[in-house]
Amino acid sequence: TEAKDAAMIAERVRAQVAAKPFSLTD
């Protein structure tokens, strides 16, 4: 994996984490 592709995937992960709140069992 080249740096540009790694950065693109990293951004996708970051966006998916921030996009939706985390729900707890309570």
mmCIF file of all heavy atoms, coordinates in Angstrom:
data_MODEL
# 
_entry.id   MODEL 
# 
loop_
_atom_site.group_PDB 
_atom_site.id 
_atom_site.type_symbol 
_atom_site.label_atom_id 
_atom_site.label_alt_id 
_atom_site.label_comp_id 
_atom_site.label_asym_id 
_atom_site.label_entity_id 
_atom_site.label_seq_id 
_atom_site.pdbx_PDB_ins_code 
_atom_site.Cartn_x 
_atom_site.Cartn_y 
_atom_site.Cartn_z 
_atom_site.occupancy 
_atom_site.B_iso_or_equiv 
_atom_site.pdbx_formal_charge 
_atom_site.auth_seq_id 
_atom_site.auth_comp_id 
_atom_site.auth_asym_id 
_atom_site.auth_atom_id 
_atom_site.pdbx_PDB_model_num 
ATOM 1   N N   . THR A 1 1  ? 0.830   -1.209 0.000  1.00 0.00 ? 1  THR A N   1 
ATOM 2   C CA  . THR A 1 1  ? 0.000   0.000  0.000  1.00 0.00 ? 1  THR A CA  1 
ATOM 3   C C   . THR A 1 1  ? 0.859   1.251  0.000  1.00 0.00 ? 1  THR A C   1 
ATOM 4   O O   . THR A 1 1  ? 1.729   1.424  0.860  1.00 0.00 ? 1  THR A O   1 
ATOM 5   C CB  . THR A 1 1  ? -0.919  0.019  1.233  1.00 0.00 ? 1  THR A CB  1 
ATOM 6   O OG1 . THR A 1 1  ? -1.677  -1.190 1.277  1.00 0.00 ? 1  THR A OG1 1 
ATOM 7   C CG2 . THR A 1 1  ? -1.872  1.204  1.192  1.00 0.00 ? 1  THR A CG2 1 
ATOM 8   N N   . GLU A 1 2  ? 0.600   2.152  -0.958 1.00 0.00 ? 2  GLU A N   1 
ATOM 9   C CA  . GLU A 1 2  ? 1.270   3.449  -1.020 1.00 0.00 ? 2  GLU A CA  1 
ATOM 10  C C   . GLU A 1 2  ? 0.633   4.405  -0.013 1.00 0.00 ? 2  GLU A C   1 
ATOM 11  O O   . GLU A 1 2  ? -0.491  4.204  0.448  1.00 0.00 ? 2  GLU A O   1 
ATOM 12  C CB  . GLU A 1 2  ? 1.154   4.024  -2.434 1.00 0.00 ? 2  GLU A CB  1 
ATOM 13  C CG  . GLU A 1 2  ? 1.813   3.195  -3.516 1.00 0.00 ? 2  GLU A CG  1 
ATOM 14  C CD  . GLU A 1 2  ? 3.332   3.299  -3.496 1.00 0.00 ? 2  GLU A CD  1 
ATOM 15  O OE1 . GLU A 1 2  ? 3.841   4.225  -2.825 1.00 0.00 ? 2  GLU A OE1 1 
ATOM 16  O OE2 . GLU A 1 2  ? 3.993   2.472  -4.143 1.00 0.00 ? 2  GLU A OE2 1 
ATOM 17  N N   . ALA A 1 3  ? 1.348   5.486  0.283  1.00 0.00 ? 3  ALA A N   1 
ATOM 18  C CA  . ALA A 1 3  ? 0.908   6.435  1.293  1.00 0.00 ? 3  ALA A CA  1 
ATOM 19  C C   . ALA A 1 3  ? -0.441  7.066  0.942  1.00 0.00 ? 3  ALA A C   1 
ATOM 20  O O   . ALA A 1 3  ? -1.310  7.225  1.811  1.00 0.00 ? 3  ALA A O   1 
ATOM 21  C CB  . ALA A 1 3  ? 1.964   7.521  1.480  1.00 0.00 ? 3  ALA A CB  1 
ATOM 22  N N   . LYS A 1 4  ? -0.659  7.417  -0.333 1.00 0.00 ? 4  LYS A N   1 
ATOM 23  C CA  . LYS A 1 4  ? -1.909  8.085  -0.717 1.00 0.00 ? 4  LYS A CA  1 
ATOM 24  C C   . LYS A 1 4  ? -3.115  7.173  -0.528 1.00 0.00 ? 4  LYS A C   1 
ATOM 25  O O   . LYS A 1 4  ? -4.194  7.615  -0.124 1.00 0.00 ? 4  LYS A O   1 
ATOM 26  C CB  . LYS A 1 4  ? -1.837  8.581  -2.154 1.00 0.00 ? 4  LYS A CB  1 
ATOM 27  C CG  . LYS A 1 4  ? -1.626  7.513  -3.197 1.00 0.00 ? 4  LYS A CG  1 
ATOM 28  C CD  . LYS A 1 4  ? -1.550  8.124  -4.603 1.00 0.00 ? 4  LYS A CD  1 
ATOM 29  C CE  . LYS A 1 4  ? -1.321  7.063  -5.666 1.00 0.00 ? 4  LYS A CE  1 
ATOM 30  N NZ  . LYS A 1 4  ? -2.404  6.081  -5.740 1.00 0.00 ? 4  LYS A NZ  1 
ATOM 31  N N   . ASP A 1 5  ? -2.934  5.881  -0.822 1.00 0.00 ? 5  ASP A N   1 
ATOM 32  C CA  . ASP A 1 5  ? -4.038  4.938  -0.634 1.00 0.00 ? 5  ASP A CA  1 
ATOM 33  C C   . ASP A 1 5  ? -4.301  4.714  0.854  1.00 0.00 ? 5  ASP A C   1 
ATOM 34  O O   . ASP A 1 5  ? -5.463  4.611  1.288  1.00 0.00 ? 5  ASP A O   1 
ATOM 35  C CB  . ASP A 1 5  ? -3.701  3.607  -1.304 1.00 0.00 ? 5  ASP A CB  1 
ATOM 36  C CG  . ASP A 1 5  ? -3.553  3.758  -2.810 1.00 0.00 ? 5  ASP A CG  1 
ATOM 37  O OD1 . ASP A 1 5  ? -4.369  4.483  -3.414 1.00 0.00 ? 5  ASP A OD1 1 
ATOM 38  O OD2 . ASP A 1 5  ? -2.625  3.166  -3.387 1.00 0.00 ? 5  ASP A OD2 1 
ATOM 39  N N   . ALA A 1 6  ? -3.229  4.637  1.642  1.00 0.00 ? 6  ALA A N   1 
ATOM 40  C CA  . ALA A 1 6  ? -3.386  4.467  3.086  1.00 0.00 ? 6  ALA A CA  1 
ATOM 41  C C   . ALA A 1 6  ? -4.118  5.662  3.686  1.00 0.00 ? 6  ALA A C   1 
ATOM 42  O O   . ALA A 1 6  ? -4.994  5.510  4.554  1.00 0.00 ? 6  ALA A O   1 
ATOM 43  C CB  . ALA A 1 6  ? -2.024  4.285  3.749  1.00 0.00 ? 6  ALA A CB  1 
ATOM 44  N N   . ALA A 1 7  ? -3.772  6.873  3.216  1.00 0.00 ? 7  ALA A N   1 
ATOM 45  C CA  . ALA A 1 7  ? -4.416  8.085  3.733  1.00 0.00 ? 7  ALA A CA  1 
ATOM 46  C C   . ALA A 1 7  ? -5.901  8.107  3.387  1.00 0.00 ? 7  ALA A C   1 
ATOM 47  O O   . ALA A 1 7  ? -6.737  8.536  4.204  1.00 0.00 ? 7  ALA A O   1 
ATOM 48  C CB  . ALA A 1 7  ? -3.717  9.313  3.154  1.00 0.00 ? 7  ALA A CB  1 
ATOM 49  N N   . MET A 1 8  ? -6.239  7.621  2.194  1.00 0.00 ? 8  MET A N   1 
ATOM 50  C CA  . MET A 1 8  ? -7.641  7.599  1.779  1.00 0.00 ? 8  MET A CA  1 
ATOM 51  C C   . MET A 1 8  ? -8.446  6.640  2.673  1.00 0.00 ? 8  MET A C   1 
ATOM 52  O O   . MET A 1 8  ? -9.554  6.975  3.109  1.00 0.00 ? 8  MET A O   1 
ATOM 53  C CB  . MET A 1 8  ? -7.730  7.151  0.318  1.00 0.00 ? 8  MET A CB  1 
ATOM 54  C CG  . MET A 1 8  ? -9.149  7.102  -0.232 1.00 0.00 ? 8  MET A CG  1 
ATOM 55  S SD  . MET A 1 8  ? -9.205  6.591  -1.960 1.00 0.00 ? 8  MET A SD  1 
ATOM 56  C CE  . MET A 1 8  ? -8.629  4.899  -1.800 1.00 0.00 ? 8  MET A CE  1 
ATOM 57  N N   . ILE A 1 9  ? -7.902  5.490  2.964  1.00 0.00 ? 9  ILE A N   1 
ATOM 58  C CA  . ILE A 1 9  ? -8.599  4.526  3.822  1.00 0.00 ? 9  ILE A CA  1 
ATOM 59  C C   . ILE A 1 9  ? -8.685  5.054  5.250  1.00 0.00 ? 9  ILE A C   1 
ATOM 60  O O   . ILE A 1 9  ? -9.713  4.899  5.932  1.00 0.00 ? 9  ILE A O   1 
ATOM 61  C CB  . ILE A 1 9  ? -7.889  3.156  3.767  1.00 0.00 ? 9  ILE A CB  1 
ATOM 62  C CG1 . ILE A 1 9  ? -8.007  2.581  2.344  1.00 0.00 ? 9  ILE A CG1 1 
ATOM 63  C CG2 . ILE A 1 9  ? -8.484  2.185  4.796  1.00 0.00 ? 9  ILE A CG2 1 
ATOM 64  C CD1 . ILE A 1 9  ? -7.122  1.390  2.084  1.00 0.00 ? 9  ILE A CD1 1 
ATOM 65  N N   . ALA A 1 10 ? -7.614  5.706  5.714  1.00 0.00 ? 10 ALA A N   1 
ATOM 66  C CA  . ALA A 1 10 ? -7.629  6.286  7.060  1.00 0.00 ? 10 ALA A CA  1 
ATOM 67  C C   . ALA A 1 10 ? -8.732  7.324  7.188  1.00 0.00 ? 10 ALA A C   1 
ATOM 68  O O   . ALA A 1 10 ? -9.436  7.391  8.208  1.00 0.00 ? 10 ALA A O   1 
ATOM 69  C CB  . ALA A 1 10 ? -6.273  6.910  7.363  1.00 0.00 ? 10 ALA A CB  1 
ATOM 70  N N   . GLU A 1 11 ? -8.898  8.134  6.159  1.00 0.00 ? 11 GLU A N   1 
ATOM 71  C CA  . GLU A 1 11 ? -9.945  9.159  6.178  1.00 0.00 ? 11 GLU A CA  1 
ATOM 72  C C   . GLU A 1 11 ? -11.329 8.518  6.191  1.00 0.00 ? 11 GLU A C   1 
ATOM 73  O O   . GLU A 1 11 ? -12.248 9.004  6.865  1.00 0.00 ? 11 GLU A O   1 
ATOM 74  C CB  . GLU A 1 11 ? -9.790  10.087 4.976  1.00 0.00 ? 11 GLU A CB  1 
ATOM 75  C CG  . GLU A 1 11 ? -10.866 11.158 4.841  1.00 0.00 ? 11 GLU A CG  1 
ATOM 76  C CD  . GLU A 1 11 ? -10.963 12.060 6.070  1.00 0.00 ? 11 GLU A CD  1 
ATOM 77  O OE1 . GLU A 1 11 ? -9.939  12.281 6.758  1.00 0.00 ? 11 GLU A OE1 1 
ATOM 78  O OE2 . GLU A 1 11 ? -12.090 12.543 6.348  1.00 0.00 ? 11 GLU A OE2 1 
ATOM 79  N N   . ARG A 1 12 ? -11.477 7.410  5.472  1.00 0.00 ? 12 ARG A N   1 
ATOM 80  C CA  . ARG A 1 12 ? -12.765 6.708  5.465  1.00 0.00 ? 12 ARG A CA  1 
ATOM 81  C C   . ARG A 1 12 ? -13.091 6.176  6.864  1.00 0.00 ? 12 ARG A C   1 
ATOM 82  O O   . ARG A 1 12 ? -14.230 6.296  7.338  1.00 0.00 ? 12 ARG A O   1 
ATOM 83  C CB  . ARG A 1 12 ? -12.719 5.560  4.461  1.00 0.00 ? 12 ARG A CB  1 
ATOM 84  C CG  . ARG A 1 12 ? -14.037 4.808  4.339  1.00 0.00 ? 12 ARG A CG  1 
ATOM 85  C CD  . ARG A 1 12 ? -14.011 3.857  3.163  1.00 0.00 ? 12 ARG A CD  1 
ATOM 86  N NE  . ARG A 1 12 ? -13.112 2.730  3.387  1.00 0.00 ? 12 ARG A NE  1 
ATOM 87  C CZ  . ARG A 1 12 ? -12.536 2.035  2.401  1.00 0.00 ? 12 ARG A CZ  1 
ATOM 88  N NH1 . ARG A 1 12 ? -12.748 2.369  1.138  1.00 0.00 ? 12 ARG A NH1 1 
ATOM 89  N NH2 . ARG A 1 12 ? -11.748 1.021  2.679  1.00 0.00 ? 12 ARG A NH2 1 
ATOM 90  N N   . VAL A 1 13 ? -12.114 5.620  7.529  1.00 0.00 ? 13 VAL A N   1 
ATOM 91  C CA  . VAL A 1 13 ? -12.325 5.106  8.884  1.00 0.00 ? 13 VAL A CA  1 
ATOM 92  C C   . VAL A 1 13 ? -12.698 6.255  9.821  1.00 0.00 ? 13 VAL A C   1 
ATOM 93  O O   . VAL A 1 13 ? -13.652 6.163  10.611 1.00 0.00 ? 13 VAL A O   1 
ATOM 94  C CB  . VAL A 1 13 ? -11.063 4.380  9.398  1.00 0.00 ? 13 VAL A CB  1 
ATOM 95  C CG1 . VAL A 1 13 ? -11.225 4.020  10.873 1.00 0.00 ? 13 VAL A CG1 1 
ATOM 96  C CG2 . VAL A 1 13 ? -10.784 3.127  8.574  1.00 0.00 ? 13 VAL A CG2 1 
ATOM 97  N N   . ARG A 1 14 ? -11.943 7.359  9.726  1.00 0.00 ? 14 ARG A N   1 
ATOM 98  C CA  . ARG A 1 14 ? -12.214 8.504  10.605 1.00 0.00 ? 14 ARG A CA  1 
ATOM 99  C C   . ARG A 1 14 ? -13.631 9.019  10.412 1.00 0.00 ? 14 ARG A C   1 
ATOM 100 O O   . ARG A 1 14 ? -14.367 9.272  11.387 1.00 0.00 ? 14 ARG A O   1 
ATOM 101 C CB  . ARG A 1 14 ? -11.206 9.624  10.292 1.00 0.00 ? 14 ARG A CB  1 
ATOM 102 C CG  . ARG A 1 14 ? -11.361 10.843 11.222 1.00 0.00 ? 14 ARG A CG  1 
ATOM 103 C CD  . ARG A 1 14 ? -10.900 12.121 10.553 1.00 0.00 ? 14 ARG A CD  1 
ATOM 104 N NE  . ARG A 1 14 ? -11.723 12.468 9.395  1.00 0.00 ? 14 ARG A NE  1 
ATOM 105 C CZ  . ARG A 1 14 ? -12.923 12.998 9.449  1.00 0.00 ? 14 ARG A CZ  1 
ATOM 106 N NH1 . ARG A 1 14 ? -13.495 13.262 10.627 1.00 0.00 ? 14 ARG A NH1 1 
ATOM 107 N NH2 . ARG A 1 14 ? -13.599 13.280 8.342  1.00 0.00 ? 14 ARG A NH2 1 
ATOM 108 N N   . ALA A 1 15 ? -14.048 9.142  9.141  1.00 0.00 ? 15 ALA A N   1 
ATOM 109 C CA  . ALA A 1 15 ? -15.368 9.680  8.839  1.00 0.00 ? 15 ALA A CA  1 
ATOM 110 C C   . ALA A 1 15 ? -16.473 8.745  9.349  1.00 0.00 ? 15 ALA A C   1 
ATOM 111 O O   . ALA A 1 15 ? -17.500 9.205  9.882  1.00 0.00 ? 15 ALA A O   1 
ATOM 112 C CB  . ALA A 1 15 ? -15.513 9.906  7.340  1.00 0.00 ? 15 ALA A CB  1 
ATOM 113 N N   . GLN A 1 16 ? -16.290 7.446  9.202  1.00 0.00 ? 16 GLN A N   1 
ATOM 114 C CA  . GLN A 1 16 ? -17.311 6.493  9.630  1.00 0.00 ? 16 GLN A CA  1 
ATOM 115 C C   . GLN A 1 16 ? -17.447 6.453  11.150 1.00 0.00 ? 16 GLN A C   1 
ATOM 116 O O   . GLN A 1 16 ? -18.537 6.208  11.668 1.00 0.00 ? 16 GLN A O   1 
ATOM 117 C CB  . GLN A 1 16 ? -16.973 5.093  9.095  1.00 0.00 ? 16 GLN A CB  1 
ATOM 118 C CG  . GLN A 1 16 ? -17.205 4.939  7.601  1.00 0.00 ? 16 GLN A CG  1 
ATOM 119 C CD  . GLN A 1 16 ? -18.656 5.118  7.217  1.00 0.00 ? 16 GLN A CD  1 
ATOM 120 O OE1 . GLN A 1 16 ? -19.563 4.644  7.923  1.00 0.00 ? 16 GLN A OE1 1 
ATOM 121 N NE2 . GLN A 1 16 ? -18.907 5.827  6.128  1.00 0.00 ? 16 GLN A NE2 1 
ATOM 122 N N   . VAL A 1 17 ? -16.361 6.687  11.847 1.00 0.00 ? 17 VAL A N   1 
ATOM 123 C CA  . VAL A 1 17 ? -16.430 6.718  13.311 1.00 0.00 ? 17 VAL A CA  1 
ATOM 124 C C   . VAL A 1 17 ? -17.178 7.967  13.777 1.00 0.00 ? 17 VAL A C   1 
ATOM 125 O O   . VAL A 1 17 ? -18.022 7.915  14.679 1.00 0.00 ? 17 VAL A O   1 
ATOM 126 C CB  . VAL A 1 17 ? -15.013 6.668  13.922 1.00 0.00 ? 17 VAL A CB  1 
ATOM 127 C CG1 . VAL A 1 17 ? -15.057 6.936  15.428 1.00 0.00 ? 17 VAL A CG1 1 
ATOM 128 C CG2 . VAL A 1 17 ? -14.367 5.309  13.649 1.00 0.00 ? 17 VAL A CG2 1 
ATOM 129 N N   . ALA A 1 18 ? -16.882 9.089  13.165 1.00 0.00 ? 18 ALA A N   1 
ATOM 130 C CA  . ALA A 1 18 ? -17.474 10.360 13.594 1.00 0.00 ? 18 ALA A CA  1 
ATOM 131 C C   . ALA A 1 18 ? -18.910 10.543 13.122 1.00 0.00 ? 18 ALA A C   1 
ATOM 132 O O   . ALA A 1 18 ? -19.662 11.342 13.702 1.00 0.00 ? 18 ALA A O   1 
ATOM 133 C CB  . ALA A 1 18 ? -16.623 11.516 13.085 1.00 0.00 ? 18 ALA A CB  1 
ATOM 134 N N   . ALA A 1 19 ? -19.321 9.804  12.090 1.00 0.00 ? 19 ALA A N   1 
ATOM 135 C CA  . ALA A 1 19 ? -20.609 10.053 11.448 1.00 0.00 ? 19 ALA A CA  1 
ATOM 136 C C   . ALA A 1 19 ? -21.801 9.682  12.314 1.00 0.00 ? 19 ALA A C   1 
ATOM 137 O O   . ALA A 1 19 ? -22.871 10.290 12.213 1.00 0.00 ? 19 ALA A O   1 
ATOM 138 C CB  . ALA A 1 19 ? -20.681 9.293  10.115 1.00 0.00 ? 19 ALA A CB  1 
ATOM 139 N N   . LYS A 1 20 ? -21.657 8.703  13.169 1.00 0.00 ? 20 LYS A N   1 
ATOM 140 C CA  . LYS A 1 20 ? -22.809 8.192  13.918 1.00 0.00 ? 20 LYS A CA  1 
ATOM 141 C C   . LYS A 1 20 ? -22.424 7.973  15.374 1.00 0.00 ? 20 LYS A C   1 
ATOM 142 O O   . LYS A 1 20 ? -21.394 7.363  15.664 1.00 0.00 ? 20 LYS A O   1 
ATOM 143 C CB  . LYS A 1 20 ? -23.273 6.879  13.285 1.00 0.00 ? 20 LYS A CB  1 
ATOM 144 C CG  . LYS A 1 20 ? -24.503 6.280  13.942 1.00 0.00 ? 20 LYS A CG  1 
ATOM 145 C CD  . LYS A 1 20 ? -24.883 4.966  13.246 1.00 0.00 ? 20 LYS A CD  1 
ATOM 146 C CE  . LYS A 1 20 ? -26.097 4.339  13.923 1.00 0.00 ? 20 LYS A CE  1 
ATOM 147 N NZ  . LYS A 1 20 ? -26.460 3.044  13.285 1.00 0.00 ? 20 LYS A NZ  1 
ATOM 148 N N   . PRO A 1 21 ? -23.238 8.459  16.312 1.00 0.00 ? 21 PRO A N   1 
ATOM 149 C CA  . PRO A 1 21 ? -22.918 8.269  17.732 1.00 0.00 ? 21 PRO A CA  1 
ATOM 150 C C   . PRO A 1 21 ? -22.834 6.779  18.105 1.00 0.00 ? 21 PRO A C   1 
ATOM 151 O O   . PRO A 1 21 ? -23.475 5.931  17.483 1.00 0.00 ? 21 PRO A O   1 
ATOM 152 C CB  . PRO A 1 21 ? -24.084 8.952  18.459 1.00 0.00 ? 21 PRO A CB  1 
ATOM 153 C CG  . PRO A 1 21 ? -24.643 9.902  17.459 1.00 0.00 ? 21 PRO A CG  1 
ATOM 154 C CD  . PRO A 1 21 ? -24.452 9.262  16.120 1.00 0.00 ? 21 PRO A CD  1 
ATOM 155 N N   . PHE A 1 22 ? -22.064 6.494  19.122 1.00 0.00 ? 22 PHE A N   1 
ATOM 156 C CA  . PHE A 1 22 ? -21.942 5.142  19.646 1.00 0.00 ? 22 PHE A CA  1 
ATOM 157 C C   . PHE A 1 22 ? -23.059 4.916  20.673 1.00 0.00 ? 22 PHE A C   1 
ATOM 158 O O   . PHE A 1 22 ? -23.288 5.760  21.540 1.00 0.00 ? 22 PHE A O   1 
ATOM 159 C CB  . PHE A 1 22 ? -20.585 4.938  20.317 1.00 0.00 ? 22 PHE A CB  1 
ATOM 160 C CG  . PHE A 1 22 ? -19.445 4.746  19.354 1.00 0.00 ? 22 PHE A CG  1 
ATOM 161 C CD1 . PHE A 1 22 ? -19.340 5.494  18.198 1.00 0.00 ? 22 PHE A CD1 1 
ATOM 162 C CD2 . PHE A 1 22 ? -18.457 3.819  19.629 1.00 0.00 ? 22 PHE A CD2 1 
ATOM 163 C CE1 . PHE A 1 22 ? -18.280 5.331  17.313 1.00 0.00 ? 22 PHE A CE1 1 
ATOM 164 C CE2 . PHE A 1 22 ? -17.390 3.638  18.761 1.00 0.00 ? 22 PHE A CE2 1 
ATOM 165 C CZ  . PHE A 1 22 ? -17.297 4.400  17.593 1.00 0.00 ? 22 PHE A CZ  1 
ATOM 166 N N   . SER A 1 23 ? -23.737 3.786  20.581 1.00 0.00 ? 23 SER A N   1 
ATOM 167 C CA  . SER A 1 23 ? -24.822 3.464  21.511 1.00 0.00 ? 23 SER A CA  1 
ATOM 168 C C   . SER A 1 23 ? -24.342 2.469  22.551 1.00 0.00 ? 23 SER A C   1 
ATOM 169 O O   . SER A 1 23 ? -23.697 1.471  22.221 1.00 0.00 ? 23 SER A O   1 
ATOM 170 C CB  . SER A 1 23 ? -26.018 2.875  20.755 1.00 0.00 ? 23 SER A CB  1 
ATOM 171 O OG  . SER A 1 23 ? -26.521 3.807  19.829 1.00 0.00 ? 23 SER A OG  1 
ATOM 172 N N   . LEU A 1 24 ? -24.676 2.745  23.819 1.00 0.00 ? 24 LEU A N   1 
ATOM 173 C CA  . LEU A 1 24 ? -24.343 1.831  24.912 1.00 0.00 ? 24 LEU A CA  1 
ATOM 174 C C   . LEU A 1 24 ? -25.553 0.988  25.264 1.00 0.00 ? 24 LEU A C   1 
ATOM 175 O O   . LEU A 1 24 ? -26.695 1.344  24.944 1.00 0.00 ? 24 LEU A O   1 
ATOM 176 C CB  . LEU A 1 24 ? -23.869 2.621  26.134 1.00 0.00 ? 24 LEU A CB  1 
ATOM 177 C CG  . LEU A 1 24 ? -22.685 3.570  25.913 1.00 0.00 ? 24 LEU A CG  1 
ATOM 178 C CD1 . LEU A 1 24 ? -22.302 4.252  27.224 1.00 0.00 ? 24 LEU A CD1 1 
ATOM 179 C CD2 . LEU A 1 24 ? -21.490 2.837  25.323 1.00 0.00 ? 24 LEU A CD2 1 
ATOM 180 N N   . THR A 1 25 ? -25.327 -0.123 25.942 1.00 0.00 ? 25 THR A N   1 
ATOM 181 C CA  . THR A 1 25 ? -26.427 -1.036 26.271 1.00 0.00 ? 25 THR A CA  1 
ATOM 182 C C   . THR A 1 25 ? -27.441 -0.418 27.225 1.00 0.00 ? 25 THR A C   1 
ATOM 183 O O   . THR A 1 25 ? -28.588 -0.871 27.302 1.00 0.00 ? 25 THR A O   1 
ATOM 184 C CB  . THR A 1 25 ? -25.884 -2.347 26.872 1.00 0.00 ? 25 THR A CB  1 
ATOM 185 O OG1 . THR A 1 25 ? -25.055 -2.033 27.990 1.00 0.00 ? 25 THR A OG1 1 
ATOM 186 C CG2 . THR A 1 25 ? -25.088 -3.132 25.854 1.00 0.00 ? 25 THR A CG2 1 
ATOM 187 N N   . ASP A 1 26 ? -27.019 0.608  27.966 1.00 0.00 ? 26 ASP A N   1 
ATOM 188 C CA  . ASP A 1 26 ? -27.962 1.240  28.897 1.00 0.00 ? 26 ASP A CA  1 
ATOM 189 C C   . ASP A 1 26 ? -28.808 2.318  28.218 1.00 0.00 ? 26 ASP A C   1 
ATOM 190 O O   . ASP A 1 26 ? -29.569 3.032  28.876 1.00 0.00 ? 26 ASP A O   1 
ATOM 191 C CB  . ASP A 1 26 ? -27.227 1.820  30.099 1.00 0.00 ? 26 ASP A CB  1 
ATOM 192 C CG  . ASP A 1 26 ? -26.260 2.939  29.720 1.00 0.00 ? 26 ASP A CG  1 
ATOM 193 O OD1 . ASP A 1 26 ? -26.219 3.331  28.531 1.00 0.00 ? 26 ASP A OD1 1 
ATOM 194 O OD2 . ASP A 1 26 ? -25.520 3.409  30.615 1.00 0.00 ? 26 ASP A OD2 1 
# 
